[in-house]
Amino acid sequence: MRKILKLSSVLLLLLALPVTGVVPQTHAASTALTDRMENVIQGTVANVKQVPGFNRPNITWWAIDVQTATGTVEVRIAPTWWYPSLNIRKGDRVKVTGFTPPFWVVRGISGLMACRVEDETTGAVYDFSNFRKWCRRK
């Protein structure tokens, strides 16, 4: 019985490896893709909203919908307890550097987690490069 449990644990680990490793992704609105699954998109903010977290729905997140040349992308910025308000408004022009977390890839969730959001209209910058492990450190 122990050997069966060990074998099943090893098989589960092997099945999980391709998901947790660096896998190529195809993000419709991506203009640049790097080896760390980092995407850079530019566009106009279509909506600024507060949404529940995917893994923890009791935690509310700031999110923006960015309208790009190839479609609309939802970008998760940060929990609302980090920022009580955002200096980003509907209609602002933004440049977002972000990634798709492995958890989202497994669950089929589209969108980006922000590493850096630059509001080209107001000059506001939200940089999470040092906090999120999948963000490239510059």
Foldseek 3Di string as FASTA:
>chain_A
DVVVVVVVVVVVVVVCVVLQAQDDDDAQQFPDQDSLQKGKHKAFWQDWDWAADPVGRVFIWIWTWGQGPRGTAIETEGTCVVPVDDPHDGGFIKMFIFHQDSVCVVVVNTHTYGQWIAGPVPRDIRHNQVPDPSHDDD
